[in-house]
All heavy atoms as atom14 arrays in JSON, in Angstrom:
{
  "sequence": "AYDAAQFLATCAGNQQALNFTRFLDRSRPPAADVDFLDEKVALAFRHL",
  "atom14_mask": [
    [1, 1, 1, 1, 1, 0, 0, 0, 0, 0, 0, 0, 0, 0],
    [1, 1, 1, 1, 1, 1, 1, 1, 1, 1, 1, 1, 0, 0],
    [1, 1, 1, 1, 1, 1, 1, 1, 0, 0, 0, 0, 0, 0],
    [1, 1, 1, 1, 1, 0, 0, 0, 0, 0, 0, 0, 0, 0],
    [1, 1, 1, 1, 1, 0, 0, 0, 0, 0, 0, 0, 0, 0],
    [1, 1, 1, 1, 1, 1, 1, 1, 1, 0, 0, 0, 0, 0],
    [1, 1, 1, 1, 1, 1, 1, 1, 1, 1, 1, 0, 0, 0],
    [1, 1, 1, 1, 1, 1, 1, 1, 0, 0, 0, 0, 0, 0],
    [1, 1, 1, 1, 1, 0, 0, 0, 0, 0, 0, 0, 0, 0],
    [1, 1, 1, 1, 1, 1, 1, 0, 0, 0, 0, 0, 0, 0],
    [1, 1, 1, 1, 1, 1, 0, 0, 0, 0, 0, 0, 0, 0],
    [1, 1, 1, 1, 1, 0, 0, 0, 0, 0, 0, 0, 0, 0],
    [1, 1, 1, 1, 0, 0, 0, 0, 0, 0, 0, 0, 0, 0],
    [1, 1, 1, 1, 1, 1, 1, 1, 0, 0, 0, 0, 0, 0],
    [1, 1, 1, 1, 1, 1, 1, 1, 1, 0, 0, 0, 0, 0],
    [1, 1, 1, 1, 1, 1, 1, 1, 1, 0, 0, 0, 0, 0],
    [1, 1, 1, 1, 1, 0, 0, 0, 0, 0, 0, 0, 0, 0],
    [1, 1, 1, 1, 1, 1, 1, 1, 0, 0, 0, 0, 0, 0],
    [1, 1, 1, 1, 1, 1, 1, 1, 0, 0, 0, 0, 0, 0],
    [1, 1, 1, 1, 1, 1, 1, 1, 1, 1, 1, 0, 0, 0],
    [1, 1, 1, 1, 1, 1, 1, 0, 0, 0, 0, 0, 0, 0],
    [1, 1, 1, 1, 1, 1, 1, 1, 1, 1, 1, 0, 0, 0],
    [1, 1, 1, 1, 1, 1, 1, 1, 1, 1, 1, 0, 0, 0],
    [1, 1, 1, 1, 1, 1, 1, 1, 0, 0, 0, 0, 0, 0],
    [1, 1, 1, 1, 1, 1, 1, 1, 0, 0, 0, 0, 0, 0],
    [1, 1, 1, 1, 1, 1, 1, 1, 1, 1, 1, 0, 0, 0],
    [1, 1, 1, 1, 1, 1, 0, 0, 0, 0, 0, 0, 0, 0],
    [1, 1, 1, 1, 1, 1, 1, 1, 1, 1, 1, 0, 0, 0],
    [1, 1, 1, 1, 1, 1, 1, 0, 0, 0, 0, 0, 0, 0],
    [1, 1, 1, 1, 1, 1, 1, 0, 0, 0, 0, 0, 0, 0],
    [1, 1, 1, 1, 1, 0, 0, 0, 0, 0, 0, 0, 0, 0],
    [1, 1, 1, 1, 1, 0, 0, 0, 0, 0, 0, 0, 0, 0],
    [1, 1, 1, 1, 1, 1, 1, 1, 0, 0, 0, 0, 0, 0],
    [1, 1, 1, 1, 1, 1, 1, 0, 0, 0, 0, 0, 0, 0],
    [1, 1, 1, 1, 1, 1, 1, 1, 0, 0, 0, 0, 0, 0],
    [1, 1, 1, 1, 1, 1, 1, 1, 1, 1, 1, 0, 0, 0],
    [1, 1, 1, 1, 1, 1, 1, 1, 0, 0, 0, 0, 0, 0],
    [1, 1, 1, 1, 1, 1, 1, 1, 0, 0, 0, 0, 0, 0],
    [1, 1, 1, 1, 1, 1, 1, 1, 1, 0, 0, 0, 0, 0],
    [1, 1, 1, 1, 1, 1, 1, 1, 1, 0, 0, 0, 0, 0],
    [1, 1, 1, 1, 1, 1, 1, 0, 0, 0, 0, 0, 0, 0],
    [1, 1, 1, 1, 1, 0, 0, 0, 0, 0, 0, 0, 0, 0],
    [1, 1, 1, 1, 1, 1, 1, 1, 0, 0, 0, 0, 0, 0],
    [1, 1, 1, 1, 1, 0, 0, 0, 0, 0, 0, 0, 0, 0],
    [1, 1, 1, 1, 1, 1, 1, 1, 1, 1, 1, 0, 0, 0],
    [1, 1, 1, 1, 1, 1, 1, 1, 1, 1, 1, 0, 0, 0],
    [1, 1, 1, 1, 1, 1, 1, 1, 1, 1, 0, 0, 0, 0],
    [1, 1, 1, 1, 1, 1, 1, 1, 0, 0, 0, 0, 0, 0]
  ],
  "atom14_positions": [
    [[5.05, 0.66, -7.35], [4.58, -0.5, -6.57], [5.68, -0.98, -5.62], [5.41, -1.33, -4.47], [4.15, -1.62, -7.51], [0.0, 0.0, 0.0], [0.0, 0.0, 0.0], [0.0, 0.0, 0.0], [0.0, 0.0, 0.0], [0.0, 0.0, 0.0], [0.0, 0.0, 0.0], [0.0, 0.0, 0.0], [0.0, 0.0, 0.0], [0.0, 0.0, 0.0]],
    [[6.91, -0.98, -6.13], [8.05, -1.4, -5.3], [8.25, -0.4, -4.15], [8.47, -0.79, -3.01], [9.32, -1.5, -6.16], [10.51, -2.06, -5.42], [10.77, -3.44, -5.41], [11.38, -1.22, -4.72], [11.87, -3.96, -4.73], [12.48, -1.74, -4.04], [12.71, -3.1, -4.04], [13.79, -3.61, -3.37], [0.0, 0.0, 0.0], [0.0, 0.0, 0.0]],
    [[8.15, 0.9, -4.48], [8.26, 1.94, -3.45], [7.21, 1.76, -2.36], [7.49, 1.87, -1.18], [8.11, 3.34, -4.07], [9.33, 3.76, -4.89], [10.42, 3.22, -4.64], [9.18, 4.62, -5.76], [0.0, 0.0, 0.0], [0.0, 0.0, 0.0], [0.0, 0.0, 0.0], [0.0, 0.0, 0.0], [0.0, 0.0, 0.0], [0.0, 0.0, 0.0]],
    [[5.97, 1.49, -2.81], [4.86, 1.32, -1.87], [5.1, 0.11, -0.97], [4.9, 0.18, 0.25], [3.55, 1.16, -2.64], [0.0, 0.0, 0.0], [0.0, 0.0, 0.0], [0.0, 0.0, 0.0], [0.0, 0.0, 0.0], [0.0, 0.0, 0.0], [0.0, 0.0, 0.0], [0.0, 0.0, 0.0], [0.0, 0.0, 0.0], [0.0, 0.0, 0.0]],
    [[5.53, -1.01, -1.55], [5.78, -2.23, -0.78], [6.91, -2.0, 0.23], [6.82, -2.42, 1.39], [6.13, -3.39, -1.71], [0.0, 0.0, 0.0], [0.0, 0.0, 0.0], [0.0, 0.0, 0.0], [0.0, 0.0, 0.0], [0.0, 0.0, 0.0], [0.0, 0.0, 0.0], [0.0, 0.0, 0.0], [0.0, 0.0, 0.0], [0.0, 0.0, 0.0]],
    [[7.95, -1.3, -0.22], [9.09, -1.03, 0.66], [8.68, -0.12, 1.82], [9.07, -0.33, 2.97], [10.21, -0.39, -0.15], [11.6, -0.66, 0.4], [12.69, -0.35, -0.61], [12.6, 0.65, -1.32], [13.71, -1.18, -0.68], [0.0, 0.0, 0.0], [0.0, 0.0, 0.0], [0.0, 0.0, 0.0], [0.0, 0.0, 0.0], [0.0, 0.0, 0.0]],
    [[7.86, 0.88, 1.49], [7.36, 1.81, 2.51], [6.53, 1.05, 3.55], [6.72, 1.2, 4.76], [6.53, 2.9, 1.85], [5.78, 3.79, 2.81], [6.44, 4.76, 3.54], [4.41, 3.65, 2.99], [5.76, 5.58, 4.44], [3.71, 4.45, 3.88], [4.39, 5.43, 4.61], [0.0, 0.0, 0.0], [0.0, 0.0, 0.0], [0.0, 0.0, 0.0]],
    [[5.61, 0.22, 3.07], [4.72, -0.53, 3.99], [5.52, -1.51, 4.85], [5.27, -1.66, 6.04], [3.65, -1.26, 3.19], [2.59, -0.37, 2.53], [1.75, -1.16, 1.53], [1.7, 0.29, 3.57], [0.0, 0.0, 0.0], [0.0, 0.0, 0.0], [0.0, 0.0, 0.0], [0.0, 0.0, 0.0], [0.0, 0.0, 0.0], [0.0, 0.0, 0.0]],
    [[6.48, -2.2, 4.22], [7.29, -3.17, 4.97], [8.09, -2.48, 6.07], [8.22, -2.98, 7.19], [8.24, -3.9, 4.02], [0.0, 0.0, 0.0], [0.0, 0.0, 0.0], [0.0, 0.0, 0.0], [0.0, 0.0, 0.0], [0.0, 0.0, 0.0], [0.0, 0.0, 0.0], [0.0, 0.0, 0.0], [0.0, 0.0, 0.0], [0.0, 0.0, 0.0]],
    [[8.6, -1.28, 5.77], [9.39, -0.52, 6.74], [8.5, 0.03, 7.86], [8.94, 0.2, 8.98], [10.1, 0.67, 6.04], [10.81, 0.16, 4.92], [11.08, 1.37, 6.95], [0.0, 0.0, 0.0], [0.0, 0.0, 0.0], [0.0, 0.0, 0.0], [0.0, 0.0, 0.0], [0.0, 0.0, 0.0], [0.0, 0.0, 0.0], [0.0, 0.0, 0.0]],
    [[7.23, 0.29, 7.51], [6.31, 0.92, 8.48], [5.54, -0.07, 9.35], [4.68, 0.36, 10.12], [5.3, 1.79, 7.74], [6.06, 3.21, 6.98], [0.0, 0.0, 0.0], [0.0, 0.0, 0.0], [0.0, 0.0, 0.0], [0.0, 0.0, 0.0], [0.0, 0.0, 0.0], [0.0, 0.0, 0.0], [0.0, 0.0, 0.0], [0.0, 0.0, 0.0]],
    [[5.79, -1.34, 9.21], [5.08, -2.31, 10.06], [5.31, -1.95, 11.52], [6.44, -1.88, 11.98], [5.59, -3.72, 9.77], [0.0, 0.0, 0.0], [0.0, 0.0, 0.0], [0.0, 0.0, 0.0], [0.0, 0.0, 0.0], [0.0, 0.0, 0.0], [0.0, 0.0, 0.0], [0.0, 0.0, 0.0], [0.0, 0.0, 0.0], [0.0, 0.0, 0.0]],
    [[4.24, -1.66, 12.22], [4.35, -1.3, 13.64], [4.51, 0.19, 13.9], [4.38, 0.65, 15.03], [0.0, 0.0, 0.0], [0.0, 0.0, 0.0], [0.0, 0.0, 0.0], [0.0, 0.0, 0.0], [0.0, 0.0, 0.0], [0.0, 0.0, 0.0], [0.0, 0.0, 0.0], [0.0, 0.0, 0.0], [0.0, 0.0, 0.0], [0.0, 0.0, 0.0]],
    [[4.8, 1.0, 12.85], [4.96, 2.45, 13.02], [3.58, 3.1, 12.98], [2.99, 3.28, 11.91], [5.86, 2.99, 11.9], [6.11, 4.48, 12.01], [5.29, 5.24, 12.52], [7.25, 4.91, 11.51], [0.0, 0.0, 0.0], [0.0, 0.0, 0.0], [0.0, 0.0, 0.0], [0.0, 0.0, 0.0], [0.0, 0.0, 0.0], [0.0, 0.0, 0.0]],
    [[3.06, 3.47, 14.14], [1.69, 3.98, 14.24], [1.47, 5.28, 13.47], [0.44, 5.46, 12.82], [1.31, 4.17, 15.71], [1.15, 2.86, 16.46], [0.14, 1.94, 15.79], [-1.05, 2.19, 15.77], [0.63, 0.85, 15.21], [0.0, 0.0, 0.0], [0.0, 0.0, 0.0], [0.0, 0.0, 0.0], [0.0, 0.0, 0.0], [0.0, 0.0, 0.0]],
    [[2.46, 6.15, 13.52], [2.32, 7.44, 12.82], [2.17, 7.21, 11.3], [1.3, 7.79, 10.66], [3.55, 8.3, 13.1], [3.35, 9.76, 12.73], [4.54, 10.62, 13.12], [5.51, 10.12, 13.69], [4.49, 11.89, 12.84], [0.0, 0.0, 0.0], [0.0, 0.0, 0.0], [0.0, 0.0, 0.0], [0.0, 0.0, 0.0], [0.0, 0.0, 0.0]],
    [[3.01, 6.34, 10.77], [2.97, 6.06, 9.33], [1.7, 5.32, 8.94], [1.07, 5.62, 7.93], [4.2, 5.25, 8.92], [0.0, 0.0, 0.0], [0.0, 0.0, 0.0], [0.0, 0.0, 0.0], [0.0, 0.0, 0.0], [0.0, 0.0, 0.0], [0.0, 0.0, 0.0], [0.0, 0.0, 0.0], [0.0, 0.0, 0.0], [0.0, 0.0, 0.0]],
    [[1.3, 4.32, 9.75], [0.1, 3.54, 9.43], [-1.17, 4.39, 9.52], [-2.09, 4.21, 8.72], [-0.01, 2.33, 10.36], [0.99, 1.2, 10.07], [0.99, 0.18, 11.2], [0.68, 0.52, 8.75], [0.0, 0.0, 0.0], [0.0, 0.0, 0.0], [0.0, 0.0, 0.0], [0.0, 0.0, 0.0], [0.0, 0.0, 0.0], [0.0, 0.0, 0.0]],
    [[-1.21, 5.32, 10.44], [-2.35, 6.24, 10.52], [-2.38, 7.17, 9.32], [-3.43, 7.54, 8.81], [-2.32, 7.05, 11.82], [-2.76, 6.21, 13.01], [-3.67, 5.39, 12.89], [-2.13, 6.41, 14.15], [0.0, 0.0, 0.0], [0.0, 0.0, 0.0], [0.0, 0.0, 0.0], [0.0, 0.0, 0.0], [0.0, 0.0, 0.0], [0.0, 0.0, 0.0]],
    [[-1.17, 7.54, 8.84], [-1.06, 8.4, 7.66], [-1.65, 7.7, 6.42], [-2.27, 8.34, 5.57], [0.41, 8.75, 7.42], [0.68, 9.43, 6.11], [0.25, 10.73, 5.89], [1.35, 8.78, 5.09], [0.5, 11.36, 4.68], [1.61, 9.4, 3.88], [1.18, 10.7, 3.68], [0.0, 0.0, 0.0], [0.0, 0.0, 0.0], [0.0, 0.0, 0.0]],
    [[-1.46, 6.38, 6.31], [-1.96, 5.66, 5.13], [-3.5, 5.66, 5.06], [-4.07, 5.37, 4.02], [-1.49, 4.18, 5.11], [-2.02, 3.51, 6.25], [0.02, 4.08, 5.09], [0.0, 0.0, 0.0], [0.0, 0.0, 0.0], [0.0, 0.0, 0.0], [0.0, 0.0, 0.0], [0.0, 0.0, 0.0], [0.0, 0.0, 0.0], [0.0, 0.0, 0.0]],
    [[-4.15, 6.01, 6.15], [-5.61, 5.96, 6.17], [-6.25, 7.01, 5.28], [-7.41, 6.89, 4.92], [-6.12, 6.1, 7.61], [-5.66, 4.94, 8.5], [-6.23, 5.01, 9.87], [-7.69, 4.91, 9.83], [-8.44, 4.72, 10.91], [-7.87, 4.59, 12.08], [-9.75, 4.65, 10.81], [0.0, 0.0, 0.0], [0.0, 0.0, 0.0], [0.0, 0.0, 0.0]],
    [[-5.47, 8.03, 4.88], [-6.04, 9.03, 3.99], [-6.4, 8.42, 2.63], [-7.27, 8.9, 1.92], [-5.08, 10.22, 3.81], [-4.04, 10.02, 2.74], [-4.26, 10.43, 1.44], [-2.84, 9.38, 3.03], [-3.31, 10.23, 0.46], [-1.89, 9.18, 2.04], [-2.12, 9.6, 0.76], [0.0, 0.0, 0.0], [0.0, 0.0, 0.0], [0.0, 0.0, 0.0]],
    [[-5.72, 7.33, 2.26], [-6.03, 6.64, 1.0], [-7.46, 6.15, 0.99], [-8.12, 6.09, -0.05], [-5.1, 5.42, 0.81], [-3.63, 5.71, 0.49], [-2.83, 4.43, 0.6], [-3.5, 6.29, -0.9], [0.0, 0.0, 0.0], [0.0, 0.0, 0.0], [0.0, 0.0, 0.0], [0.0, 0.0, 0.0], [0.0, 0.0, 0.0], [0.0, 0.0, 0.0]],
    [[-7.95, 5.79, 2.16], [-9.29, 5.25, 2.29], [-10.34, 6.3, 1.93], [-11.39, 5.98, 1.38], [-9.49, 4.76, 3.73], [-10.84, 4.12, 3.94], [-11.23, 3.34, 3.06], [-11.5, 4.41, 4.94], [0.0, 0.0, 0.0], [0.0, 0.0, 0.0], [0.0, 0.0, 0.0], [0.0, 0.0, 0.0], [0.0, 0.0, 0.0], [0.0, 0.0, 0.0]],
    [[-10.05, 7.55, 2.21], [-11.03, 8.62, 1.96], [-11.22, 8.86, 0.47], [-12.27, 9.31, 0.04], [-10.59, 9.91, 2.66], [-10.49, 9.73, 4.17], [-10.28, 11.06, 4.89], [-9.89, 10.78, 6.28], [-8.68, 10.98, 6.76], [-7.73, 11.46, 5.99], [-8.41, 10.72, 8.03], [0.0, 0.0, 0.0], [0.0, 0.0, 0.0], [0.0, 0.0, 0.0]],
    [[-10.18, 8.6, -0.32], [-10.29, 8.83, -1.76], [-11.06, 7.71, -2.47], [-11.53, 7.88, -3.58], [-8.91, 8.99, -2.38], [-8.17, 7.8, -2.23], [0.0, 0.0, 0.0], [0.0, 0.0, 0.0], [0.0, 0.0, 0.0], [0.0, 0.0, 0.0], [0.0, 0.0, 0.0], [0.0, 0.0, 0.0], [0.0, 0.0, 0.0], [0.0, 0.0, 0.0]],
    [[-11.16, 6.56, -1.81], [-11.9, 5.4, -2.34], [-11.72, 5.22, -3.86], [-12.6, 5.53, -4.65], [-13.4, 5.53, -2.03], [-13.81, 5.19, -0.62], [-13.46, 3.73, -0.32], [-13.78, 3.38, 1.03], [-14.93, 2.79, 1.4], [-15.84, 2.49, 0.52], [-15.12, 2.47, 2.66], [0.0, 0.0, 0.0], [0.0, 0.0, 0.0], [0.0, 0.0, 0.0]],
    [[-10.55, 4.74, -4.3], [-10.32, 4.57, -5.74], [-11.28, 3.55, -6.34], [-11.79, 2.68, -5.63], [-8.87, 4.07, -5.81], [-8.55, 3.55, -4.45], [-9.41, 4.29, -3.49], [0.0, 0.0, 0.0], [0.0, 0.0, 0.0], [0.0, 0.0, 0.0], [0.0, 0.0, 0.0], [0.0, 0.0, 0.0], [0.0, 0.0, 0.0], [0.0, 0.0, 0.0]],
    [[-11.56, 3.63, -7.67], [-12.45, 2.67, -8.32], [-11.95, 1.23, -8.17], [-10.75, 1.01, -7.99], [-12.41, 3.09, -9.8], [-11.88, 4.48, -9.81], [-11.03, 4.63, -8.59], [0.0, 0.0, 0.0], [0.0, 0.0, 0.0], [0.0, 0.0, 0.0], [0.0, 0.0, 0.0], [0.0, 0.0, 0.0], [0.0, 0.0, 0.0], [0.0, 0.0, 0.0]],
    [[-12.87, 0.28, -8.26], [-12.54, -1.15, -8.05], [-11.42, -1.62, -8.96], [-10.55, -2.38, -8.54], [-13.79, -2.0, -8.25], [0.0, 0.0, 0.0], [0.0, 0.0, 0.0], [0.0, 0.0, 0.0], [0.0, 0.0, 0.0], [0.0, 0.0, 0.0], [0.0, 0.0, 0.0], [0.0, 0.0, 0.0], [0.0, 0.0, 0.0], [0.0, 0.0, 0.0]],
    [[-11.42, -1.16, -10.22], [-10.38, -1.59, -11.18], [-9.01, -1.11, -10.72], [-8.01, -1.83, -10.85], [-10.69, -1.05, -12.57], [0.0, 0.0, 0.0], [0.0, 0.0, 0.0], [0.0, 0.0, 0.0], [0.0, 0.0, 0.0], [0.0, 0.0, 0.0], [0.0, 0.0, 0.0], [0.0, 0.0, 0.0], [0.0, 0.0, 0.0], [0.0, 0.0, 0.0]],
    [[-8.95, 0.12, -10.17], [-7.68, 0.66, -9.67], [-7.2, -0.11, -8.45], [-6.01, -0.35, -8.28], [-7.83, 2.14, -9.31], [-8.01, 3.02, -10.55], [-7.85, 2.5, -11.66], [-8.33, 4.21, -10.39], [0.0, 0.0, 0.0], [0.0, 0.0, 0.0], [0.0, 0.0, 0.0], [0.0, 0.0, 0.0], [0.0, 0.0, 0.0], [0.0, 0.0, 0.0]],
    [[-8.15, -0.48, -7.58], [-7.82, -1.24, -6.37], [-7.25, -2.6, -6.77], [-6.26, -3.07, -6.21], [-9.06, -1.42, -5.47], [-8.79, -2.44, -4.37], [-9.46, -0.09, -4.85], [0.0, 0.0, 0.0], [0.0, 0.0, 0.0], [0.0, 0.0, 0.0], [0.0, 0.0, 0.0], [0.0, 0.0, 0.0], [0.0, 0.0, 0.0], [0.0, 0.0, 0.0]],
    [[-7.86, -3.24, -7.77], [-7.41, -4.55, -8.23], [-5.99, -4.47, -8.8], [-5.14, -5.32, -8.53], [-8.38, -5.08, -9.29], [-8.19, -6.57, -9.55], [-8.27, -7.36, -8.59], [-7.95, -6.95, -10.71], [0.0, 0.0, 0.0], [0.0, 0.0, 0.0], [0.0, 0.0, 0.0], [0.0, 0.0, 0.0], [0.0, 0.0, 0.0], [0.0, 0.0, 0.0]],
    [[-5.74, -3.41, -9.57], [-4.41, -3.19, -10.16], [-3.38, -2.95, -9.06], [-2.29, -3.54, -9.06], [-4.48, -1.99, -11.12], [-3.16, -1.65, -11.78], [-2.7, -2.4, -12.86], [-2.38, -0.6, -11.31], [-1.49, -2.09, -13.47], [-1.17, -0.29, -11.92], [-0.73, -1.03, -13.0], [0.0, 0.0, 0.0], [0.0, 0.0, 0.0], [0.0, 0.0, 0.0]],
    [[-3.74, -2.09, -8.09], [-2.86, -1.79, -6.96], [-2.56, -3.06, -6.17], [-1.41, -3.33, -5.81], [-3.53, -0.75, -6.06], [-2.82, -0.37, -4.77], [-1.61, 0.52, -5.06], [-3.76, 0.34, -3.8], [0.0, 0.0, 0.0], [0.0, 0.0, 0.0], [0.0, 0.0, 0.0], [0.0, 0.0, 0.0], [0.0, 0.0, 0.0], [0.0, 0.0, 0.0]],
    [[-3.59, -3.86, -5.92], [-3.45, -5.1, -5.15], [-2.47, -6.06, -5.83], [-1.56, -6.59, -5.19], [-4.83, -5.74, -5.02], [-4.85, -6.93, -4.08], [-3.95, -7.02, -3.22], [-5.77, -7.76, -4.19], [0.0, 0.0, 0.0], [0.0, 0.0, 0.0], [0.0, 0.0, 0.0], [0.0, 0.0, 0.0], [0.0, 0.0, 0.0], [0.0, 0.0, 0.0]],
    [[-2.65, -6.26, -7.13], [-1.78, -7.18, -7.9], [-0.33, -6.71, -7.87], [0.59, -7.49, -7.59], [-2.29, -7.24, -9.34], [-1.5, -8.16, -10.25], [-1.79, -9.64, -10.04], [-2.92, -10.09, -10.27], [-0.84, -10.34, -9.63], [0.0, 0.0, 0.0], [0.0, 0.0, 0.0], [0.0, 0.0, 0.0], [0.0, 0.0, 0.0], [0.0, 0.0, 0.0]],
    [[-0.13, -5.42, -8.14], [1.23, -4.88, -8.25], [1.96, -4.86, -6.91], [3.13, -5.24, -6.82], [1.19, -3.47, -8.84], [0.83, -3.42, -10.31], [1.98, -3.96, -11.14], [1.69, -3.9, -12.63], [2.73, -4.58, -13.41], [0.0, 0.0, 0.0], [0.0, 0.0, 0.0], [0.0, 0.0, 0.0], [0.0, 0.0, 0.0], [0.0, 0.0, 0.0]],
    [[1.27, -4.39, -5.86], [1.94, -4.26, -4.55], [2.21, -5.65, -3.95], [3.27, -5.88, -3.37], [1.11, -3.39, -3.58], [1.72, -3.38, -2.18], [1.05, -1.95, -4.11], [0.0, 0.0, 0.0], [0.0, 0.0, 0.0], [0.0, 0.0, 0.0], [0.0, 0.0, 0.0], [0.0, 0.0, 0.0], [0.0, 0.0, 0.0], [0.0, 0.0, 0.0]],
    [[1.27, -6.59, -4.11], [1.48, -7.96, -3.6], [2.66, -8.61, -4.31], [3.48, -9.29, -3.69], [0.21, -8.79, -3.78], [0.0, 0.0, 0.0], [0.0, 0.0, 0.0], [0.0, 0.0, 0.0], [0.0, 0.0, 0.0], [0.0, 0.0, 0.0], [0.0, 0.0, 0.0], [0.0, 0.0, 0.0], [0.0, 0.0, 0.0], [0.0, 0.0, 0.0]],
    [[2.76, -8.39, -5.62], [3.88, -8.94, -6.4], [5.2, -8.32, -5.96], [6.21, -9.02, -5.8], [3.64, -8.68, -7.89], [4.44, -9.5, -8.9], [4.2, -10.99, -8.72], [4.07, -9.1, -10.32], [0.0, 0.0, 0.0], [0.0, 0.0, 0.0], [0.0, 0.0, 0.0], [0.0, 0.0, 0.0], [0.0, 0.0, 0.0], [0.0, 0.0, 0.0]],
    [[5.19, -7.0, -5.73], [6.4, -6.31, -5.27], [6.82, -6.83, -3.89], [8.01, -7.03, -3.63], [6.16, -4.8, -5.21], [0.0, 0.0, 0.0], [0.0, 0.0, 0.0], [0.0, 0.0, 0.0], [0.0, 0.0, 0.0], [0.0, 0.0, 0.0], [0.0, 0.0, 0.0], [0.0, 0.0, 0.0], [0.0, 0.0, 0.0], [0.0, 0.0, 0.0]],
    [[5.85, -7.08, -3.01], [6.15, -7.62, -1.68], [6.84, -8.98, -1.8], [7.76, -9.29, -1.06], [4.86, -7.78, -0.87], [4.77, -6.84, 0.3], [3.89, -5.76, 0.27], [5.55, -7.02, 1.43], [3.8, -4.88, 1.35], [5.46, -6.15, 2.52], [4.58, -5.08, 2.47], [0.0, 0.0, 0.0], [0.0, 0.0, 0.0], [0.0, 0.0, 0.0]],
    [[6.4, -9.8, -2.77], [6.99, -11.12, -2.97], [8.45, -11.01, -3.39], [9.26, -11.9, -3.14], [6.22, -11.91, -4.03], [4.86, -12.4, -3.55], [4.1, -13.06, -4.69], [2.78, -13.46, -4.26], [2.48, -14.61, -3.65], [3.45, -15.47, -3.41], [1.25, -14.9, -3.3], [0.0, 0.0, 0.0], [0.0, 0.0, 0.0], [0.0, 0.0, 0.0]],
    [[8.8, -9.92, -4.08], [10.17, -9.74, -4.56], [11.06, -9.0, -3.58], [12.27, -8.89, -3.79], [10.16, -9.0, -5.91], [9.62, -9.83, -7.04], [9.01, -9.28, -8.14], [9.57, -11.17, -7.2], [8.63, -10.26, -8.96], [8.96, -11.4, -8.4], [0.0, 0.0, 0.0], [0.0, 0.0, 0.0], [0.0, 0.0, 0.0], [0.0, 0.0, 0.0]],
    [[10.47, -8.44, -2.5], [11.28, -7.74, -1.5], [12.13, -8.73, -0.72], [11.69, -9.84, -0.44], [10.38, -7.01, -0.49], [9.76, -5.67, -0.86], [9.01, -5.12, 0.34], [10.8, -4.66, -1.31], [0.0, 0.0, 0.0], [0.0, 0.0, 0.0], [0.0, 0.0, 0.0], [0.0, 0.0, 0.0], [0.0, 0.0, 0.0], [0.0, 0.0, 0.0]]
  ]
}
């Protein structure tokens, strides 16, 4: 989660990287996984 938050924070404005993250959308993880990811990454962002 910390790695993900750090990657996203570094990629703000980087079009190549942000377009790359769109592949996550195609896998469409289950709602429970999305909720877990949301909680963990948001918390990691708060600690960055």
